[in-house]
N, C-alpha and C. Protein backbone atom coordinates (compact mmCIF):
# COMPACT_ATOMS: atom_id res chain seq x y z
N MET A 1 0.59 -1.30 0.12
CA MET A 1 -0.07 -0.33 0.03
C MET A 1 1.03 1.54 0.61
N ASN A 2 1.78 1.00 0.71
CA ASN A 2 2.59 2.29 1.15
C ASN A 2 3.35 2.42 -0.56
N ARG A 3 3.64 1.69 -1.13
CA ARG A 3 4.40 1.54 -2.54
C ARG A 3 3.47 2.16 -3.78
N LEU A 4 2.05 1.84 -3.20
CA LEU A 4 1.06 2.39 -4.36
C LEU A 4 1.12 4.19 -4.00
N LYS A 5 0.82 4.22 -2.83
CA LYS A 5 1.14 5.77 -2.28
C LYS A 5 2.21 6.37 -2.83
N PHE A 6 3.32 5.94 -2.62
CA PHE A 6 4.27 6.43 -3.22
C PHE A 6 4.36 6.75 -5.15
N LEU A 7 4.08 5.63 -5.47
CA LEU A 7 4.10 5.75 -7.22
C LEU A 7 2.91 6.87 -7.66
N LEU A 8 1.86 6.96 -6.72
CA LEU A 8 0.57 7.98 -7.28
C LEU A 8 1.10 8.96 -6.84
N LEU A 9 2.00 9.24 -5.86
CA LEU A 9 2.65 10.59 -5.39
C LEU A 9 3.66 11.05 -6.69
N PHE A 10 4.10 10.32 -6.77
CA PHE A 10 5.26 10.92 -7.84
C PHE A 10 4.57 10.88 -8.96
N PHE A 11 3.17 10.13 -9.75
CA PHE A 11 2.63 10.19 -10.99
C PHE A 11 2.54 11.67 -10.83
N ILE A 12 1.25 12.28 -9.74
CA ILE A 12 1.10 13.33 -9.25
C ILE A 12 2.32 14.48 -9.72
N THR A 13 3.29 14.22 -8.96
CA THR A 13 4.20 15.36 -8.81
C THR A 13 4.73 15.64 -9.88
N CYS A 14 5.08 15.11 -10.89
CA CYS A 14 5.51 14.66 -11.82
C CYS A 14 4.55 15.56 -13.27
N LYS A 15 3.46 14.90 -13.38
CA LYS A 15 1.88 15.78 -14.10
C LYS A 15 2.12 17.10 -14.10
N LEU A 16 1.95 17.64 -12.47
CA LEU A 16 2.11 18.75 -11.83
C LEU A 16 3.40 19.69 -12.47
N THR A 17 4.88 19.06 -12.19
CA THR A 17 5.72 19.85 -12.75
C THR A 17 5.93 19.87 -14.15
N SER A 18 4.98 18.91 -15.25
CA SER A 18 5.02 19.28 -16.50
C SER A 18 3.99 20.37 -16.93
N VAL A 19 2.85 20.53 -16.06
CA VAL A 19 1.85 21.31 -16.27
C VAL A 19 2.50 23.10 -16.19
N GLU A 20 3.20 22.77 -15.05
CA GLU A 20 3.69 24.18 -13.98
C GLU A 20 4.67 24.67 -15.45
N ALA A 21 5.57 23.37 -15.86
CA ALA A 21 6.10 24.28 -16.96
C ALA A 21 5.57 24.52 -18.25
N GLN A 22 4.56 24.07 -18.73
CA GLN A 22 3.88 25.07 -19.84
C GLN A 22 3.44 25.90 -19.45
N ASN A 23 3.00 26.62 -18.48
CA ASN A 23 2.72 27.75 -17.34
C ASN A 23 3.67 28.77 -17.51
N LYS A 24 4.55 28.52 -17.68
CA LYS A 24 6.02 29.18 -16.87
C LYS A 24 6.87 30.42 -18.55
N ILE A 25 6.56 31.54 -17.91
CA ILE A 25 7.85 32.10 -18.86
C ILE A 25 8.54 33.26 -18.12
N LEU A 26 9.82 33.32 -18.86
CA LEU A 26 11.49 33.73 -18.27
C LEU A 26 11.39 35.14 -18.44
N PHE A 27 11.28 35.90 -17.68
CA PHE A 27 12.04 37.27 -18.30
C PHE A 27 13.29 37.38 -17.90
N VAL A 28 14.10 37.68 -19.27
CA VAL A 28 15.39 38.60 -18.80
C VAL A 28 15.68 39.79 -18.77
N THR A 29 16.29 40.46 -17.66
CA THR A 29 16.21 41.89 -17.22
C THR A 29 17.64 42.14 -17.06
N SER A 30 18.43 43.24 -16.91
CA SER A 30 19.68 43.66 -16.75
C SER A 30 20.11 44.16 -15.36
N ASN A 31 21.42 43.38 -14.51
CA ASN A 31 21.73 44.96 -13.85
C ASN A 31 22.12 45.54 -14.11
N GLN A 32 22.94 46.65 -15.44
CA GLN A 32 23.35 47.45 -15.47
C GLN A 32 23.30 48.96 -14.96
N GLU A 33 23.58 49.84 -14.89
CA GLU A 33 23.40 50.58 -14.05
C GLU A 33 23.30 52.10 -14.53
N PHE A 34 24.69 51.95 -15.17
CA PHE A 34 25.23 53.23 -16.26
C PHE A 34 25.78 52.58 -17.85
N TYR A 35 25.07 53.17 -18.71
CA TYR A 35 25.97 53.22 -19.78
C TYR A 35 27.17 53.05 -20.00
N GLY A 36 27.73 51.53 -20.47
CA GLY A 36 28.94 51.71 -20.26
C GLY A 36 29.90 51.74 -19.16
N ASN A 37 30.76 52.57 -19.32
CA ASN A 37 31.77 53.19 -18.42
C ASN A 37 31.97 54.55 -17.96
N THR A 38 30.20 54.86 -18.50
CA THR A 38 29.99 56.14 -18.13
C THR A 38 29.05 56.33 -16.52
N LYS A 39 28.98 57.74 -16.33
CA LYS A 39 28.19 58.16 -15.32
C LYS A 39 26.49 58.46 -15.27
N ILE A 40 26.22 58.24 -16.85
CA ILE A 40 24.74 57.89 -17.39
C ILE A 40 24.05 56.90 -16.98
N SER A 41 23.07 57.42 -16.28
CA SER A 41 22.09 56.24 -15.75
C SER A 41 21.55 55.20 -16.74
N ALA A 42 21.43 54.19 -16.55
CA ALA A 42 20.15 53.09 -17.57
C ALA A 42 19.65 52.02 -16.76
N SER A 43 18.50 51.85 -16.99
CA SER A 43 17.71 50.94 -16.71
C SER A 43 16.58 50.27 -17.40
N ASN A 44 15.77 49.36 -16.86
CA ASN A 44 15.16 48.33 -17.69
C ASN A 44 14.17 49.12 -17.70
N HIS A 45 13.44 49.33 -18.66
CA HIS A 45 12.48 49.88 -19.38
C HIS A 45 11.00 49.32 -18.46
N PHE A 46 10.17 50.51 -17.00
CA PHE A 46 8.84 49.14 -16.45
C PHE A 46 8.42 49.49 -17.16
N GLU A 47 7.54 49.94 -18.45
CA GLU A 47 6.35 49.71 -19.23
C GLU A 47 6.62 48.57 -20.00
N GLU A 48 8.07 48.44 -20.37
CA GLU A 48 8.04 46.95 -21.24
C GLU A 48 8.14 45.72 -20.43
N ILE A 49 8.55 45.98 -19.16
CA ILE A 49 8.20 44.78 -18.16
C ILE A 49 6.86 44.29 -17.91
N VAL A 50 6.03 45.75 -17.31
CA VAL A 50 4.99 45.62 -16.63
C VAL A 50 3.43 44.99 -17.44
N VAL A 51 3.66 45.80 -18.75
CA VAL A 51 2.91 45.52 -19.41
C VAL A 51 2.70 44.09 -20.25
N PRO A 52 3.85 43.66 -21.01
CA PRO A 52 3.76 42.18 -21.35
C PRO A 52 3.42 41.42 -20.08
N TYR A 53 4.32 41.52 -18.76
CA TYR A 53 3.63 40.46 -17.39
C TYR A 53 2.35 40.98 -17.07
N ASP A 54 1.38 42.47 -17.10
CA ASP A 54 0.03 42.44 -16.98
C ASP A 54 -1.06 40.87 -17.93
N ILE A 55 -0.27 41.08 -19.37
CA ILE A 55 -0.80 40.02 -20.11
C ILE A 55 -0.52 38.64 -20.35
N PHE A 56 0.41 38.25 -19.91
CA PHE A 56 0.88 37.37 -19.49
C PHE A 56 0.28 36.41 -17.93
N ILE A 57 0.24 37.64 -17.09
CA ILE A 57 -0.73 36.82 -15.64
C ILE A 57 -1.67 36.66 -16.50
N LYS A 58 -2.80 37.69 -16.89
CA LYS A 58 -3.89 37.48 -17.43
C LYS A 58 -4.55 36.29 -18.01
N ALA A 59 -3.68 35.94 -18.58
CA ALA A 59 -3.33 34.77 -19.49
C ALA A 59 -3.65 33.21 -18.78
N GLY A 60 -3.10 33.25 -17.67
CA GLY A 60 -2.67 32.25 -16.89
C GLY A 60 -1.36 31.81 -16.71
N TYR A 61 -0.28 32.53 -17.19
CA TYR A 61 0.76 32.14 -17.15
C TYR A 61 1.58 32.92 -15.62
N SER A 62 3.13 32.04 -15.19
CA SER A 62 3.39 32.21 -13.83
C SER A 62 4.54 33.13 -14.70
N VAL A 63 5.27 34.36 -14.37
CA VAL A 63 6.57 34.39 -14.77
C VAL A 63 7.82 34.73 -13.69
N ASP A 64 9.00 34.49 -13.99
CA ASP A 64 10.06 34.29 -12.97
C ASP A 64 10.76 35.52 -13.45
N PHE A 65 11.62 36.27 -13.61
CA PHE A 65 12.67 37.67 -13.36
C PHE A 65 14.37 36.37 -13.66
N VAL A 66 15.08 36.86 -14.36
CA VAL A 66 16.41 36.72 -14.24
C VAL A 66 17.05 37.78 -14.30
N SER A 67 18.49 37.97 -14.29
CA SER A 67 19.31 38.88 -14.49
C SER A 67 20.45 38.01 -14.41
N PRO A 68 22.11 39.06 -15.48
CA PRO A 68 23.43 38.13 -15.01
C PRO A 68 23.50 37.92 -13.77
N LYS A 69 23.22 38.96 -13.01
CA LYS A 69 23.98 38.79 -11.15
C LYS A 69 23.35 38.26 -10.16
N GLY A 70 21.87 38.36 -10.86
CA GLY A 70 20.62 38.27 -9.84
C GLY A 70 20.42 39.33 -8.90
N GLY A 71 19.72 39.30 -8.03
CA GLY A 71 18.87 40.53 -7.31
C GLY A 71 18.21 41.49 -8.12
N ALA A 72 18.38 42.34 -7.50
CA ALA A 72 18.03 44.06 -7.62
C ALA A 72 18.42 44.36 -9.42
N ILE A 73 17.30 44.69 -9.87
CA ILE A 73 17.81 45.50 -11.02
C ILE A 73 17.34 47.07 -11.44
N PRO A 74 18.26 47.81 -12.23
CA PRO A 74 17.75 49.08 -12.03
C PRO A 74 16.26 49.34 -12.78
N VAL A 75 14.91 50.13 -12.44
CA VAL A 75 13.93 50.21 -13.10
C VAL A 75 13.88 51.93 -13.55
N GLY A 76 13.13 52.56 -14.98
CA GLY A 76 13.26 53.55 -14.90
C GLY A 76 12.22 53.92 -15.84
N TYR A 77 11.61 54.60 -16.57
CA TYR A 77 10.94 55.44 -17.56
C TYR A 77 9.40 55.19 -17.09
N ILE A 78 9.61 55.17 -15.31
CA ILE A 78 7.96 54.77 -14.90
C ILE A 78 7.56 56.05 -14.87
N ASN A 79 6.09 55.87 -15.16
CA ASN A 79 5.43 56.65 -15.71
C ASN A 79 3.68 56.72 -14.47
N THR A 80 3.95 56.97 -13.89
CA THR A 80 2.88 57.14 -12.58
C THR A 80 1.36 56.93 -12.87
N SER A 81 1.39 57.96 -14.13
CA SER A 81 -0.06 57.97 -14.47
C SER A 81 -0.61 57.27 -15.67
N ASP A 82 -0.06 56.42 -15.85
CA ASP A 82 -0.50 55.01 -16.29
C ASP A 82 -1.01 53.88 -15.85
N SER A 83 -2.26 53.60 -15.54
CA SER A 83 -2.56 52.68 -14.70
C SER A 83 -1.74 51.09 -14.36
N ILE A 84 -1.24 50.99 -15.36
CA ILE A 84 -0.73 49.76 -15.45
C ILE A 84 0.66 50.11 -14.73
N GLN A 85 1.00 50.25 -15.05
CA GLN A 85 2.35 51.11 -14.53
C GLN A 85 2.27 51.30 -12.89
N LYS A 86 1.18 51.93 -12.85
CA LYS A 86 1.28 52.53 -11.46
C LYS A 86 0.74 51.61 -10.16
N LYS A 87 -0.16 50.43 -10.87
CA LYS A 87 -0.42 48.94 -10.03
C LYS A 87 0.73 48.18 -9.78
N TYR A 88 1.16 47.83 -10.83
CA TYR A 88 2.76 47.38 -10.06
C TYR A 88 3.34 47.76 -9.37
N LEU A 89 4.02 49.02 -9.61
CA LEU A 89 4.81 50.21 -8.86
C LEU A 89 4.67 49.91 -7.36
N TYR A 90 2.87 49.95 -7.40
CA TYR A 90 2.74 50.06 -5.73
C TYR A 90 2.39 48.83 -5.28
N ASP A 91 2.88 47.50 -6.05
CA ASP A 91 2.30 46.52 -5.76
C ASP A 91 3.84 45.64 -5.55
N GLY A 92 3.93 45.48 -3.79
CA GLY A 92 5.01 45.01 -3.42
C GLY A 92 5.64 43.57 -3.34
N TRP A 93 4.80 42.81 -3.97
CA TRP A 93 4.99 41.41 -4.41
C TRP A 93 5.74 41.11 -5.13
N PHE A 94 5.22 42.10 -6.35
CA PHE A 94 6.25 41.99 -8.06
C PHE A 94 7.13 43.06 -7.71
N MET A 95 7.54 44.16 -7.29
CA MET A 95 8.51 44.62 -6.92
C MET A 95 9.95 44.03 -5.99
N ASP A 96 9.28 43.04 -5.23
CA ASP A 96 10.41 42.29 -4.83
C ASP A 96 10.93 41.11 -5.89
N LYS A 97 9.90 40.60 -6.70
CA LYS A 97 10.34 40.18 -7.29
C LYS A 97 11.69 40.98 -8.41
N LEU A 98 11.34 42.15 -8.86
CA LEU A 98 12.28 43.00 -9.18
C LEU A 98 13.80 43.22 -8.97
N GLU A 99 13.32 42.64 -7.29
CA GLU A 99 14.90 42.93 -6.51
C GLU A 99 15.59 41.80 -6.05
N HIS A 100 14.73 40.53 -6.44
CA HIS A 100 15.48 39.20 -6.25
C HIS A 100 15.16 38.75 -7.34
N THR A 101 15.80 39.04 -8.37
CA THR A 101 15.98 38.23 -9.88
C THR A 101 17.05 37.04 -9.19
N MET A 102 16.38 36.07 -10.52
CA MET A 102 17.30 34.89 -10.38
C MET A 102 18.15 34.98 -11.10
N LYS A 103 19.60 34.31 -10.52
CA LYS A 103 20.70 34.00 -11.22
C LYS A 103 20.86 33.31 -12.45
N PRO A 104 21.39 33.53 -13.26
CA PRO A 104 20.89 31.94 -14.27
C PRO A 104 21.52 31.06 -13.64
N THR A 105 21.99 30.90 -13.19
CA THR A 105 22.54 29.38 -12.33
C THR A 105 21.28 28.58 -11.92
N GLU A 106 20.93 29.49 -11.01
CA GLU A 106 19.22 28.73 -10.74
C GLU A 106 18.41 28.81 -11.94
N ILE A 107 18.52 28.77 -12.91
CA ILE A 107 16.96 28.61 -13.91
C ILE A 107 17.47 27.15 -14.59
N ILE A 108 16.15 26.60 -14.30
CA ILE A 108 16.06 25.12 -14.93
C ILE A 108 15.38 25.52 -16.44
N ALA A 109 15.71 25.64 -17.38
CA ALA A 109 15.59 25.58 -18.84
C ALA A 109 14.18 25.12 -19.03
N ASP A 110 13.73 23.90 -18.86
CA ASP A 110 12.91 22.87 -19.25
C ASP A 110 11.43 23.28 -18.08
N ASN A 111 11.80 24.45 -17.40
CA ASN A 111 10.24 24.86 -16.71
C ASN A 111 9.62 26.07 -16.87
N TYR A 112 10.28 26.01 -18.74
CA TYR A 112 9.71 27.67 -19.26
C TYR A 112 9.30 27.07 -20.80
N LEU A 113 7.94 27.92 -21.14
CA LEU A 113 8.22 27.54 -22.43
C LEU A 113 8.29 28.63 -23.21
N ALA A 114 8.77 30.06 -22.86
CA ALA A 114 9.13 31.00 -23.32
C ALA A 114 10.13 31.37 -22.49
N ILE A 115 10.57 32.68 -23.38
CA ILE A 115 11.52 33.89 -22.89
C ILE A 115 11.58 34.77 -23.60
N PHE A 116 11.34 35.68 -22.50
CA PHE A 116 11.29 37.16 -23.07
C PHE A 116 12.47 37.89 -22.11
N TYR A 117 12.93 38.73 -23.41
CA TYR A 117 14.01 39.84 -23.11
C TYR A 117 13.36 41.06 -23.13
N SER A 118 13.31 41.84 -22.23
CA SER A 118 12.67 43.60 -21.85
C SER A 118 13.57 44.33 -22.29
N GLY A 119 13.13 45.53 -21.94
CA GLY A 119 14.26 46.48 -22.58
C GLY A 119 14.44 47.68 -22.26
N GLY A 120 14.96 48.60 -22.12
CA GLY A 120 15.69 49.92 -21.70
C GLY A 120 16.97 49.83 -21.84
N GLY A 121 17.43 50.50 -21.91
CA GLY A 121 19.02 51.26 -22.36
C GLY A 121 20.29 49.86 -21.20
N ALA A 122 19.42 49.17 -20.30
CA ALA A 122 20.64 48.39 -19.50
C ALA A 122 20.52 47.10 -20.36
N ALA A 123 19.15 46.88 -21.24
CA ALA A 123 19.03 45.46 -21.58
C ALA A 123 20.07 45.58 -22.69
N MET A 124 21.10 46.70 -23.56
CA MET A 124 22.16 46.18 -24.06
C MET A 124 23.36 46.34 -23.25
N TYR A 125 23.43 45.93 -21.98
CA TYR A 125 24.71 45.40 -21.57
C TYR A 125 24.49 44.60 -20.30
N GLY A 126 25.50 43.31 -20.86
CA GLY A 126 25.12 41.96 -19.21
C GLY A 126 24.42 40.98 -20.47
N VAL A 127 23.70 41.06 -21.12
CA VAL A 127 22.55 39.99 -20.67
C VAL A 127 22.84 39.65 -22.04
N ALA A 128 23.22 39.79 -23.22
CA ALA A 128 23.65 39.30 -24.71
C ALA A 128 24.88 38.05 -24.50
N GLU A 129 26.09 38.60 -23.72
CA GLU A 129 27.34 38.57 -23.59
C GLU A 129 27.56 37.17 -22.39
N ASP A 130 26.27 36.75 -21.91
CA ASP A 130 25.68 35.82 -20.58
C ASP A 130 25.71 34.11 -21.47
N THR A 131 27.04 32.92 -21.42
CA THR A 131 26.43 32.00 -21.82
C THR A 131 25.96 30.97 -21.06
N THR A 132 25.79 31.84 -20.18
CA THR A 132 24.62 30.37 -18.87
C THR A 132 22.70 30.81 -19.79
N ILE A 133 22.59 32.35 -19.95
CA ILE A 133 21.41 33.05 -20.69
C ILE A 133 21.09 32.77 -21.51
N GLN A 134 22.68 32.42 -22.20
CA GLN A 134 22.58 32.22 -23.73
C GLN A 134 22.01 30.55 -24.30
N LYS A 135 22.70 29.30 -22.94
CA LYS A 135 22.32 28.01 -22.90
C LYS A 135 20.53 28.08 -22.57
N ILE A 136 20.16 28.92 -21.75
CA ILE A 136 18.88 28.75 -21.29
C ILE A 136 17.71 29.16 -22.55
N ALA A 137 18.13 30.02 -23.22
CA ALA A 137 17.55 30.17 -24.61
C ALA A 137 17.41 29.58 -25.23
N ARG A 138 19.03 28.94 -25.99
CA ARG A 138 19.01 27.94 -26.40
C ARG A 138 17.79 26.63 -26.27
N LYS A 139 17.83 26.07 -25.02
CA LYS A 139 16.94 25.12 -24.67
C LYS A 139 15.86 25.60 -24.55
N ILE A 140 15.08 26.40 -24.17
CA ILE A 140 13.87 26.72 -24.35
C ILE A 140 13.45 27.08 -25.92
N TYR A 141 14.13 27.19 -27.16
CA TYR A 141 14.16 26.88 -28.35
C TYR A 141 13.94 26.10 -28.80
N ASN A 142 14.66 24.95 -28.36
CA ASN A 142 14.80 23.56 -29.18
C ASN A 142 14.18 22.81 -28.53
N LYS A 143 12.64 23.20 -27.92
CA LYS A 143 12.06 22.36 -27.47
C LYS A 143 10.66 23.40 -27.86
N ASN A 144 10.93 23.98 -28.86
CA ASN A 144 9.74 24.62 -29.56
C ASN A 144 9.31 25.82 -28.46
N GLY A 145 10.04 25.94 -27.49
CA GLY A 145 9.62 27.09 -27.20
C GLY A 145 9.57 28.53 -27.92
N VAL A 146 9.18 29.64 -27.38
CA VAL A 146 9.43 31.00 -27.82
C VAL A 146 10.48 32.13 -27.41
N VAL A 147 11.57 32.41 -28.58
CA VAL A 147 12.25 33.38 -27.66
C VAL A 147 11.94 34.80 -28.39
N SER A 148 11.42 35.64 -27.25
CA SER A 148 11.03 37.11 -27.49
C SER A 148 11.57 37.92 -27.11
N THR A 149 11.41 39.39 -27.81
CA THR A 149 12.04 40.24 -27.29
C THR A 149 11.19 41.69 -27.35
N ILE A 150 11.73 42.86 -26.68
CA ILE A 150 10.87 44.06 -27.23
C ILE A 150 11.57 45.02 -27.23
N CYS A 151 11.88 45.95 -27.91
CA CYS A 151 12.64 47.63 -28.00
C CYS A 151 13.79 46.78 -27.70
N HIS A 152 14.81 47.58 -26.79
CA HIS A 152 16.22 47.21 -26.47
C HIS A 152 16.79 45.88 -25.98
N GLY A 153 15.30 44.95 -25.70
CA GLY A 153 15.68 43.38 -25.72
C GLY A 153 16.22 42.85 -26.26
N THR A 154 15.84 43.42 -27.85
CA THR A 154 16.82 42.47 -28.79
C THR A 154 17.84 42.60 -28.58
N ALA A 155 19.43 43.33 -28.23
CA ALA A 155 20.15 43.06 -27.96
C ALA A 155 20.96 42.22 -27.30
N GLY A 156 19.67 41.37 -26.12
CA GLY A 156 20.37 40.33 -25.34
C GLY A 156 20.05 39.41 -26.27
N ILE A 157 19.83 39.28 -27.63
CA ILE A 157 19.85 37.89 -28.68
C ILE A 157 20.79 37.70 -29.73
N ALA A 158 22.08 39.24 -29.61
CA ALA A 158 22.66 39.46 -30.46
C ALA A 158 23.69 38.08 -30.84
N TYR A 159 24.14 37.51 -29.78
CA TYR A 159 25.22 36.23 -29.67
C TYR A 159 24.22 34.90 -29.63
N LEU A 160 22.74 34.78 -29.78
CA LEU A 160 22.14 33.55 -30.15
C LEU A 160 22.58 32.62 -31.27
N LYS A 161 23.31 31.44 -30.70
CA LYS A 161 23.65 30.80 -32.18
C LYS A 161 23.00 28.99 -31.41
N ASP A 162 22.77 28.40 -32.25
CA ASP A 162 22.18 26.87 -32.55
C ASP A 162 23.62 26.08 -32.13
N GLU A 163 23.49 25.23 -32.38
CA GLU A 163 24.29 24.01 -31.46
C GLU A 163 25.65 23.96 -32.55
N ASN A 164 25.22 24.48 -34.29
CA ASN A 164 26.36 24.38 -35.06
C ASN A 164 26.65 25.62 -35.11
N GLY A 165 26.49 26.87 -34.55
CA GLY A 165 26.90 28.05 -33.87
C GLY A 165 26.75 28.96 -35.22
N LYS A 166 25.13 28.59 -35.94
CA LYS A 166 24.46 29.39 -36.99
C LYS A 166 23.53 30.25 -36.01
N SER A 167 23.37 31.59 -35.70
CA SER A 167 22.73 32.34 -35.53
C SER A 167 21.54 31.56 -35.21
N LEU A 168 20.77 31.81 -34.13
CA LEU A 168 19.16 30.90 -33.94
C LEU A 168 18.33 31.30 -34.52
N TYR A 169 18.46 33.14 -34.54
CA TYR A 169 17.20 33.74 -35.85
C TYR A 169 17.67 33.99 -37.38
N ALA A 170 18.83 33.62 -37.77
CA ALA A 170 18.86 33.33 -38.65
C ALA A 170 18.05 33.06 -39.83
N GLY A 171 17.36 33.49 -40.91
CA GLY A 171 16.47 32.87 -41.95
C GLY A 171 15.21 32.50 -41.28
N LYS A 172 14.79 34.01 -40.38
CA LYS A 172 13.22 34.08 -39.39
C LYS A 172 12.86 34.75 -40.51
N ASP A 173 11.11 35.24 -40.39
CA ASP A 173 10.96 36.47 -40.67
C ASP A 173 10.52 36.86 -39.30
N ASN A 174 10.96 38.23 -38.85
CA ASN A 174 11.14 38.90 -37.66
C ASN A 174 10.42 40.06 -37.58
N ARG A 175 9.60 39.52 -38.68
CA ARG A 175 8.18 40.50 -38.78
C ARG A 175 7.22 40.46 -37.69
N LEU A 176 6.03 41.39 -37.13
CA LEU A 176 5.05 40.91 -36.15
C LEU A 176 4.26 40.44 -37.42
N SER A 177 3.18 39.60 -37.02
CA SER A 177 1.85 39.08 -38.19
C SER A 177 1.01 39.55 -37.42
N ARG A 178 0.32 40.16 -38.40
CA ARG A 178 -1.44 40.90 -37.91
C ARG A 178 -2.46 40.51 -38.68
N GLN A 179 -3.32 40.08 -37.67
CA GLN A 179 -4.99 39.75 -37.90
C GLN A 179 -5.70 40.26 -38.41
N THR A 180 -6.14 40.77 -39.48
CA THR A 180 -7.12 42.11 -40.29
C THR A 180 -8.51 41.46 -39.96
């Protein structure tokens, strides 16, 4: 009887893990505080994080955040007149997620169906050359997952290559398709 309970528990756990993986999206952010070696502030564009986040959450997905160093990320371009931005700016649980992003080494790529590179000037630093983030994106892509970006977040996919060293997005149509 104990063996049967164990097998049942194991099966349920595997199924839940599988279902969980189908509903998770990984947001890539940057820890960069300044543009290069200057004293000009750089940040992750708040709207380019919260608008997609809000859409995904409302669609039933869960979202995790990663940055090259883990921990707090700088955010900017905040518009408190915008209702979505204001909602998340004053959401302590959400802001805590941005203050405690995961390190790439803490990510299990199999748990995600998509990876999303957020924008802002900070996105141009530290993300693209992070080989662990590259491996995560490649693994998600190779299991028919989605690799997506917004605005400056495209800098994060600059060095993405497949197993043969070919650009991951070579030959792809990168235009948005619109249904009318």
